[in-house]
């Protein structure tokens, strides 16, 4: 299968429950010191339904859903040839503890540069919560060294 054949490919949906303990651990790991990320009463006073996820937590949702490496496995690309080139987030609503986040991944583009020495795989993951609300779009670019 040619790499261009992967453009538009979507992967099966997944669901991940957002847990308070995991959010607190993530906030500590990324240095998010605002108590809104660790103290439930502070979070509720700020207008959240529960502890909100720090801004880059959505990528953890994708990893927990097994979406990180599926396109690489499908394309038979060894991880030793891969570098994470870009990660973008567009939030539409907060992700909070207790949410069940559903999603699926779609390959948006695959192209080469440097005369085929580098291949770029662009993917998008759309996240919705248990209420069907669109919460976040993740865009990522994986760079593959060919040869």
N, C-alpha and C. Protein backbone atom coordinates (compact mmCIF):
# COMPACT_ATOMS: atom_id res chain seq x y z
N UNK A 1 0.85 -1.18 0.00
CA UNK A 1 0.00 0.00 0.00
C UNK A 1 0.89 1.24 0.00
N UNK A 2 0.64 2.18 -0.90
CA UNK A 2 1.41 3.41 -0.98
C UNK A 2 1.03 4.34 0.17
N UNK A 3 1.97 5.15 0.61
CA UNK A 3 1.68 6.02 1.75
C UNK A 3 0.51 6.96 1.47
N UNK A 4 0.33 7.38 0.23
CA UNK A 4 -0.79 8.27 -0.11
C UNK A 4 -2.14 7.61 0.17
N UNK A 5 -2.18 6.28 0.14
CA UNK A 5 -3.42 5.56 0.39
C UNK A 5 -3.92 5.72 1.83
N UNK A 6 -3.06 6.19 2.72
CA UNK A 6 -3.45 6.37 4.12
C UNK A 6 -4.16 7.70 4.36
N UNK A 7 -4.07 8.62 3.41
CA UNK A 7 -4.72 9.92 3.58
C UNK A 7 -6.23 9.70 3.66
N UNK A 8 -6.83 10.22 4.71
CA UNK A 8 -8.26 10.06 4.93
C UNK A 8 -8.63 8.85 5.77
N UNK A 9 -7.66 8.00 6.06
CA UNK A 9 -7.96 6.80 6.86
C UNK A 9 -8.35 7.22 8.28
N UNK A 10 -9.44 6.65 8.77
CA UNK A 10 -9.89 6.88 10.14
C UNK A 10 -9.74 5.59 10.93
N UNK A 11 -9.45 5.75 12.19
CA UNK A 11 -9.28 4.60 13.08
C UNK A 11 -10.51 4.46 13.97
N UNK A 12 -10.73 3.26 14.50
CA UNK A 12 -11.92 3.03 15.32
C UNK A 12 -11.99 3.98 16.51
N UNK A 13 -13.21 4.35 16.90
CA UNK A 13 -13.37 5.24 18.05
C UNK A 13 -12.93 4.57 19.34
N UNK A 14 -12.63 5.40 20.32
CA UNK A 14 -12.24 4.92 21.64
C UNK A 14 -12.85 5.82 22.69
N UNK A 15 -12.88 5.36 23.92
CA UNK A 15 -13.35 6.17 25.05
C UNK A 15 -12.36 6.05 26.19
N UNK A 16 -12.16 7.16 26.90
CA UNK A 16 -11.26 7.21 28.05
C UNK A 16 -11.95 8.01 29.14
N UNK A 17 -11.97 7.47 30.37
CA UNK A 17 -12.52 8.20 31.51
C UNK A 17 -11.42 9.07 32.12
N UNK A 18 -11.75 10.32 32.39
CA UNK A 18 -10.80 11.26 32.97
C UNK A 18 -10.89 11.16 34.49
N UNK A 19 -9.79 10.76 35.12
CA UNK A 19 -9.77 10.50 36.57
C UNK A 19 -9.06 11.63 37.31
N UNK A 20 -9.59 11.97 38.49
CA UNK A 20 -9.02 13.05 39.31
C UNK A 20 -7.55 12.82 39.64
N UNK A 21 -7.24 11.62 40.10
CA UNK A 21 -5.86 11.33 40.49
C UNK A 21 -4.89 11.50 39.33
N UNK A 22 -5.33 11.08 38.18
CA UNK A 22 -4.49 11.20 36.98
C UNK A 22 -4.29 12.67 36.60
N UNK A 23 -5.36 13.48 36.74
CA UNK A 23 -5.23 14.91 36.44
C UNK A 23 -4.27 15.59 37.41
N UNK A 24 -4.38 15.25 38.69
CA UNK A 24 -3.46 15.84 39.68
C UNK A 24 -2.01 15.45 39.37
N UNK A 25 -1.80 14.20 39.07
CA UNK A 25 -0.45 13.72 38.74
C UNK A 25 0.09 14.43 37.50
N UNK A 26 -0.75 14.57 36.48
CA UNK A 26 -0.33 15.23 35.25
C UNK A 26 0.01 16.70 35.53
N UNK A 27 -0.84 17.38 36.30
CA UNK A 27 -0.59 18.79 36.63
C UNK A 27 0.75 18.94 37.34
N UNK A 28 1.03 18.06 38.27
CA UNK A 28 2.32 18.10 38.98
C UNK A 28 3.47 17.84 38.01
N UNK A 29 3.32 16.86 37.14
CA UNK A 29 4.39 16.49 36.20
C UNK A 29 4.73 17.62 35.24
N UNK A 30 3.72 18.41 34.82
CA UNK A 30 3.98 19.49 33.86
C UNK A 30 4.19 20.83 34.54
N UNK A 31 4.18 20.85 35.87
CA UNK A 31 4.43 22.09 36.60
C UNK A 31 3.27 23.06 36.61
N UNK A 32 2.05 22.55 36.45
CA UNK A 32 0.86 23.41 36.52
C UNK A 32 0.53 23.64 37.99
N UNK A 33 0.96 24.76 38.53
CA UNK A 33 0.85 25.01 39.98
C UNK A 33 -0.45 25.69 40.40
N UNK A 34 -1.26 26.14 39.47
CA UNK A 34 -2.53 26.77 39.81
C UNK A 34 -3.39 25.75 40.55
N UNK A 35 -3.89 26.09 41.74
CA UNK A 35 -4.69 25.13 42.52
C UNK A 35 -5.97 24.69 41.83
N UNK A 36 -6.39 25.37 40.78
CA UNK A 36 -7.58 24.95 40.04
C UNK A 36 -7.39 23.53 39.50
N UNK A 37 -6.13 23.11 39.27
CA UNK A 37 -5.85 21.78 38.72
C UNK A 37 -5.76 20.68 39.78
N UNK A 38 -5.71 21.07 41.05
CA UNK A 38 -5.51 20.06 42.10
C UNK A 38 -6.55 20.11 43.23
N UNK A 39 -7.25 21.22 43.36
CA UNK A 39 -8.20 21.41 44.46
C UNK A 39 -9.61 21.56 43.90
N UNK A 40 -10.47 20.62 44.27
CA UNK A 40 -11.82 20.60 43.71
C UNK A 40 -12.63 21.85 44.04
N UNK A 41 -12.53 22.37 45.25
CA UNK A 41 -13.31 23.56 45.60
C UNK A 41 -12.82 24.78 44.82
N UNK A 42 -11.54 24.88 44.60
CA UNK A 42 -11.01 25.98 43.79
C UNK A 42 -11.50 25.85 42.35
N UNK A 43 -11.50 24.64 41.83
CA UNK A 43 -11.97 24.40 40.46
C UNK A 43 -13.45 24.77 40.32
N UNK A 44 -14.26 24.35 41.27
CA UNK A 44 -15.70 24.67 41.20
C UNK A 44 -15.94 26.17 41.35
N UNK A 45 -15.18 26.82 42.23
CA UNK A 45 -15.31 28.27 42.40
C UNK A 45 -14.93 29.01 41.11
N UNK A 46 -14.06 28.40 40.32
CA UNK A 46 -13.66 28.99 39.04
C UNK A 46 -14.65 28.68 37.92
N UNK A 47 -15.70 27.91 38.23
CA UNK A 47 -16.74 27.64 37.23
C UNK A 47 -16.65 26.29 36.55
N UNK A 48 -15.72 25.45 36.95
CA UNK A 48 -15.59 24.11 36.36
C UNK A 48 -16.51 23.13 37.09
N UNK A 49 -16.90 22.06 36.42
CA UNK A 49 -17.73 21.04 37.05
C UNK A 49 -16.93 20.18 38.01
N UNK A 50 -15.63 20.10 37.80
CA UNK A 50 -14.70 19.34 38.64
C UNK A 50 -13.30 19.80 38.25
N UNK A 51 -12.27 19.06 38.65
CA UNK A 51 -10.92 19.45 38.29
C UNK A 51 -10.77 19.51 36.78
N UNK A 52 -10.29 20.63 36.24
CA UNK A 52 -10.07 20.70 34.79
C UNK A 52 -8.74 20.07 34.42
N UNK A 53 -8.65 19.63 33.19
CA UNK A 53 -7.39 19.08 32.68
C UNK A 53 -6.47 20.23 32.29
N UNK A 54 -5.18 20.13 32.62
CA UNK A 54 -4.22 21.11 32.11
C UNK A 54 -4.21 21.09 30.57
N UNK A 55 -3.76 22.17 29.95
CA UNK A 55 -3.90 22.33 28.50
C UNK A 55 -3.40 21.18 27.62
N UNK A 56 -2.31 20.52 27.93
CA UNK A 56 -1.80 19.48 27.03
C UNK A 56 -2.28 18.07 27.40
N UNK A 57 -3.16 17.97 28.38
CA UNK A 57 -3.64 16.67 28.83
C UNK A 57 -4.36 15.90 27.73
N UNK A 58 -4.95 16.59 26.78
CA UNK A 58 -5.70 15.92 25.71
C UNK A 58 -4.82 14.91 24.96
N UNK A 59 -3.52 15.17 24.87
CA UNK A 59 -2.63 14.22 24.22
C UNK A 59 -2.57 12.91 25.01
N UNK A 60 -2.65 12.99 26.34
CA UNK A 60 -2.69 11.78 27.17
C UNK A 60 -3.94 10.97 26.90
N UNK A 61 -5.05 11.65 26.64
CA UNK A 61 -6.29 10.95 26.30
C UNK A 61 -6.07 10.12 25.03
N UNK A 62 -5.44 10.72 24.05
CA UNK A 62 -5.16 10.00 22.80
C UNK A 62 -4.24 8.81 23.04
N UNK A 63 -3.24 9.00 23.89
CA UNK A 63 -2.33 7.89 24.19
C UNK A 63 -3.07 6.77 24.92
N UNK A 64 -3.89 7.14 25.91
CA UNK A 64 -4.65 6.14 26.65
C UNK A 64 -5.62 5.39 25.73
N UNK A 65 -6.08 6.05 24.68
CA UNK A 65 -6.99 5.42 23.73
C UNK A 65 -6.28 4.59 22.68
N UNK A 66 -4.95 4.48 22.78
CA UNK A 66 -4.19 3.66 21.84
C UNK A 66 -4.05 4.26 20.46
N UNK A 67 -4.13 5.58 20.36
CA UNK A 67 -4.10 6.23 19.06
C UNK A 67 -2.72 6.74 18.65
N UNK A 68 -1.73 6.59 19.49
CA UNK A 68 -0.43 7.20 19.23
C UNK A 68 0.36 6.55 18.10
N UNK A 69 0.30 5.25 17.98
CA UNK A 69 1.19 4.55 17.05
C UNK A 69 0.48 3.74 15.98
N UNK A 70 -0.86 3.79 15.94
CA UNK A 70 -1.57 2.90 15.02
C UNK A 70 -1.22 3.16 13.55
N UNK A 71 -1.09 4.40 13.12
CA UNK A 71 -0.76 4.65 11.72
C UNK A 71 0.66 4.18 11.41
N UNK A 72 1.57 4.33 12.37
CA UNK A 72 2.94 3.86 12.15
C UNK A 72 2.97 2.34 12.01
N UNK A 73 2.20 1.65 12.84
CA UNK A 73 2.12 0.19 12.73
C UNK A 73 1.53 -0.22 11.38
N UNK A 74 0.46 0.47 10.97
CA UNK A 74 -0.17 0.16 9.69
C UNK A 74 0.78 0.37 8.51
N UNK A 75 1.65 1.37 8.62
CA UNK A 75 2.57 1.70 7.53
C UNK A 75 3.91 0.96 7.67
N UNK A 76 4.01 0.10 8.69
CA UNK A 76 5.24 -0.66 8.95
C UNK A 76 6.46 0.24 9.13
N UNK A 77 6.29 1.30 9.90
CA UNK A 77 7.37 2.24 10.16
C UNK A 77 7.93 1.97 11.55
N UNK A 78 9.22 1.63 11.64
CA UNK A 78 9.82 1.41 12.96
C UNK A 78 9.94 2.72 13.75
N UNK A 79 9.70 2.64 15.05
CA UNK A 79 9.76 3.83 15.90
C UNK A 79 11.15 4.47 15.91
N UNK A 80 12.17 3.71 15.59
CA UNK A 80 13.53 4.26 15.56
C UNK A 80 13.72 5.27 14.44
N UNK A 81 12.79 5.34 13.51
CA UNK A 81 12.90 6.29 12.39
C UNK A 81 11.96 7.49 12.55
N UNK A 82 11.34 7.61 13.73
CA UNK A 82 10.27 8.57 13.92
C UNK A 82 10.67 9.65 14.93
N UNK A 83 10.23 10.87 14.61
CA UNK A 83 10.36 11.99 15.54
C UNK A 83 9.01 12.71 15.57
N UNK A 84 8.61 13.14 16.75
CA UNK A 84 7.36 13.89 16.90
C UNK A 84 7.64 15.33 16.47
N UNK A 85 7.03 15.76 15.36
CA UNK A 85 7.36 17.05 14.78
C UNK A 85 6.51 18.20 15.27
N UNK A 86 5.25 17.96 15.59
CA UNK A 86 4.34 19.05 15.97
C UNK A 86 3.16 18.48 16.72
N UNK A 87 2.66 19.27 17.67
CA UNK A 87 1.42 18.93 18.37
C UNK A 87 0.66 20.22 18.58
N UNK A 88 -0.59 20.25 18.16
CA UNK A 88 -1.43 21.43 18.35
C UNK A 88 -2.74 21.05 19.02
N UNK A 89 -3.29 22.00 19.74
CA UNK A 89 -4.55 21.79 20.46
C UNK A 89 -5.48 22.96 20.19
N UNK A 90 -6.73 22.66 19.87
CA UNK A 90 -7.77 23.69 19.79
C UNK A 90 -8.88 23.24 20.74
N UNK A 91 -9.04 23.98 21.83
CA UNK A 91 -10.06 23.64 22.82
C UNK A 91 -11.36 24.37 22.53
N UNK A 92 -12.47 23.63 22.68
CA UNK A 92 -13.79 24.21 22.50
C UNK A 92 -14.54 24.26 23.84
N UNK A 93 -14.21 23.34 24.73
CA UNK A 93 -14.78 23.28 26.08
C UNK A 93 -13.74 22.63 26.98
N UNK A 94 -13.83 22.86 28.29
CA UNK A 94 -12.88 22.21 29.20
C UNK A 94 -13.10 20.70 29.28
N UNK A 95 -12.03 19.99 29.51
CA UNK A 95 -12.08 18.57 29.85
C UNK A 95 -11.94 18.53 31.37
N UNK A 96 -12.86 17.84 32.05
CA UNK A 96 -12.85 17.81 33.51
C UNK A 96 -12.89 16.38 34.03
N UNK A 97 -12.45 16.22 35.27
CA UNK A 97 -12.54 14.92 35.93
C UNK A 97 -13.97 14.43 35.88
N UNK A 98 -14.11 13.14 35.63
CA UNK A 98 -15.43 12.53 35.51
C UNK A 98 -15.94 12.46 34.08
N UNK A 99 -15.34 13.25 33.20
CA UNK A 99 -15.74 13.17 31.80
C UNK A 99 -15.32 11.84 31.20
N UNK A 100 -16.11 11.36 30.28
CA UNK A 100 -15.73 10.22 29.46
C UNK A 100 -15.53 10.78 28.06
N UNK A 101 -14.29 10.75 27.62
CA UNK A 101 -13.93 11.36 26.35
C UNK A 101 -13.90 10.30 25.26
N UNK A 102 -14.66 10.55 24.22
CA UNK A 102 -14.69 9.67 23.07
C UNK A 102 -14.01 10.34 21.90
N UNK A 103 -13.47 9.53 21.02
CA UNK A 103 -12.74 10.10 19.91
C UNK A 103 -12.41 9.08 18.84
N UNK A 104 -11.84 9.61 17.76
CA UNK A 104 -11.23 8.77 16.74
C UNK A 104 -10.18 9.62 16.03
N UNK A 105 -9.26 8.95 15.40
CA UNK A 105 -8.17 9.62 14.70
C UNK A 105 -8.33 9.47 13.19
N UNK A 106 -7.98 10.53 12.47
CA UNK A 106 -7.99 10.51 11.01
C UNK A 106 -6.66 11.03 10.50
N UNK A 107 -6.10 10.34 9.52
CA UNK A 107 -4.88 10.80 8.86
C UNK A 107 -5.29 11.86 7.85
N UNK A 108 -4.80 13.07 8.03
CA UNK A 108 -5.18 14.20 7.17
C UNK A 108 -4.28 14.35 5.95
N UNK A 109 -2.99 14.03 6.10
CA UNK A 109 -2.08 14.20 4.98
C UNK A 109 -0.83 13.37 5.20
N UNK A 110 -0.23 12.92 4.12
CA UNK A 110 1.06 12.24 4.13
C UNK A 110 1.82 12.77 2.93
N UNK A 111 3.02 13.26 3.17
CA UNK A 111 3.81 13.82 2.07
C UNK A 111 5.29 13.69 2.37
N UNK A 112 6.09 13.85 1.33
CA UNK A 112 7.55 13.74 1.46
C UNK A 112 8.21 15.08 1.19
N UNK A 113 9.42 15.23 1.75
CA UNK A 113 10.28 16.38 1.50
C UNK A 113 11.70 15.89 1.36
N UNK A 114 12.57 16.77 0.95
CA UNK A 114 14.00 16.45 0.80
C UNK A 114 14.20 15.25 -0.12
N UNK A 115 13.48 15.26 -1.24
CA UNK A 115 13.63 14.20 -2.21
C UNK A 115 13.25 12.82 -1.70
N UNK A 116 12.33 12.78 -0.75
CA UNK A 116 11.88 11.51 -0.19
C UNK A 116 12.64 11.08 1.05
N UNK A 117 13.63 11.86 1.47
CA UNK A 117 14.40 11.50 2.67
C UNK A 117 13.55 11.62 3.94
N UNK A 118 12.55 12.51 3.90
CA UNK A 118 11.67 12.70 5.05
C UNK A 118 10.22 12.54 4.62
N UNK A 119 9.45 11.84 5.44
CA UNK A 119 8.01 11.72 5.21
C UNK A 119 7.31 12.35 6.41
N UNK A 120 6.23 13.08 6.13
CA UNK A 120 5.46 13.74 7.17
C UNK A 120 4.06 13.14 7.19
N UNK A 121 3.61 12.77 8.37
CA UNK A 121 2.27 12.22 8.54
C UNK A 121 1.51 13.18 9.45
N UNK A 122 0.44 13.77 8.92
CA UNK A 122 -0.38 14.69 9.69
C UNK A 122 -1.68 13.99 10.07
N UNK A 123 -2.00 14.04 11.36
CA UNK A 123 -3.22 13.38 11.84
C UNK A 123 -4.01 14.34 12.72
N UNK A 124 -5.31 14.09 12.80
CA UNK A 124 -6.17 14.89 13.67
C UNK A 124 -7.01 13.94 14.51
N UNK A 125 -7.15 14.31 15.78
CA UNK A 125 -8.00 13.56 16.70
C UNK A 125 -9.04 14.53 17.25
N UNK A 126 -10.30 14.19 17.10
CA UNK A 126 -11.40 15.02 17.60
C UNK A 126 -11.94 14.38 18.87
N UNK A 127 -12.02 15.18 19.94
CA UNK A 127 -12.49 14.68 21.24
C UNK A 127 -13.87 15.24 21.57
N UNK A 128 -14.75 14.37 22.04
CA UNK A 128 -16.06 14.79 22.53
C UNK A 128 -16.27 14.18 23.92
N UNK A 129 -17.10 14.83 24.72
CA UNK A 129 -17.38 14.27 26.05
C UNK A 129 -18.66 13.44 26.03
N UNK A 130 -19.01 12.90 27.17
CA UNK A 130 -20.16 12.00 27.29
C UNK A 130 -21.48 12.70 26.97
N UNK A 131 -21.50 14.02 26.97
CA UNK A 131 -22.70 14.77 26.62
C UNK A 131 -22.76 15.08 25.12
N UNK A 132 -21.75 14.58 24.38
CA UNK A 132 -21.70 14.83 22.95
C UNK A 132 -21.13 16.18 22.58
N UNK A 133 -20.55 16.87 23.57
CA UNK A 133 -19.97 18.20 23.32
C UNK A 133 -18.57 18.06 22.76
N UNK A 134 -18.30 18.80 21.72
CA UNK A 134 -16.97 18.83 21.09
C UNK A 134 -16.04 19.58 22.04
N UNK A 135 -15.02 18.90 22.59
CA UNK A 135 -14.16 19.55 23.57
C UNK A 135 -12.79 19.96 23.03
N UNK A 136 -12.23 19.20 22.10
CA UNK A 136 -10.87 19.54 21.65
C UNK A 136 -10.55 18.86 20.33
N UNK A 137 -9.72 19.55 19.55
CA UNK A 137 -9.12 18.96 18.35
C UNK A 137 -7.61 18.92 18.55
N UNK A 138 -7.03 17.77 18.33
CA UNK A 138 -5.57 17.64 18.40
C UNK A 138 -5.05 17.45 16.99
N UNK A 139 -4.00 18.19 16.66
CA UNK A 139 -3.33 17.98 15.38
C UNK A 139 -1.90 17.57 15.70
N UNK A 140 -1.41 16.57 15.00
CA UNK A 140 -0.03 16.15 15.20
C UNK A 140 0.63 15.87 13.88
N UNK A 141 1.93 16.09 13.88
CA UNK A 141 2.75 15.76 12.71
C UNK A 141 3.88 14.86 13.18
N UNK A 142 4.00 13.73 12.51
CA UNK A 142 5.08 12.77 12.77
C UNK A 142 6.04 12.85 11.59
N UNK A 143 7.32 12.96 11.90
CA UNK A 143 8.35 13.03 10.86
C UNK A 143 9.07 11.68 10.83
N UNK A 144 9.18 11.10 9.62
CA UNK A 144 9.81 9.79 9.44
C UNK A 144 11.04 9.98 8.57
N UNK A 145 12.15 9.49 9.06
CA UNK A 145 13.40 9.49 8.27
C UNK A 145 13.40 8.25 7.41
N UNK A 146 13.36 8.43 6.10
CA UNK A 146 13.36 7.31 5.17
C UNK A 146 14.82 6.92 4.83
N UNK A 147 14.99 5.65 4.54
CA UNK A 147 16.31 5.18 4.11
C UNK A 147 17.14 4.58 5.19
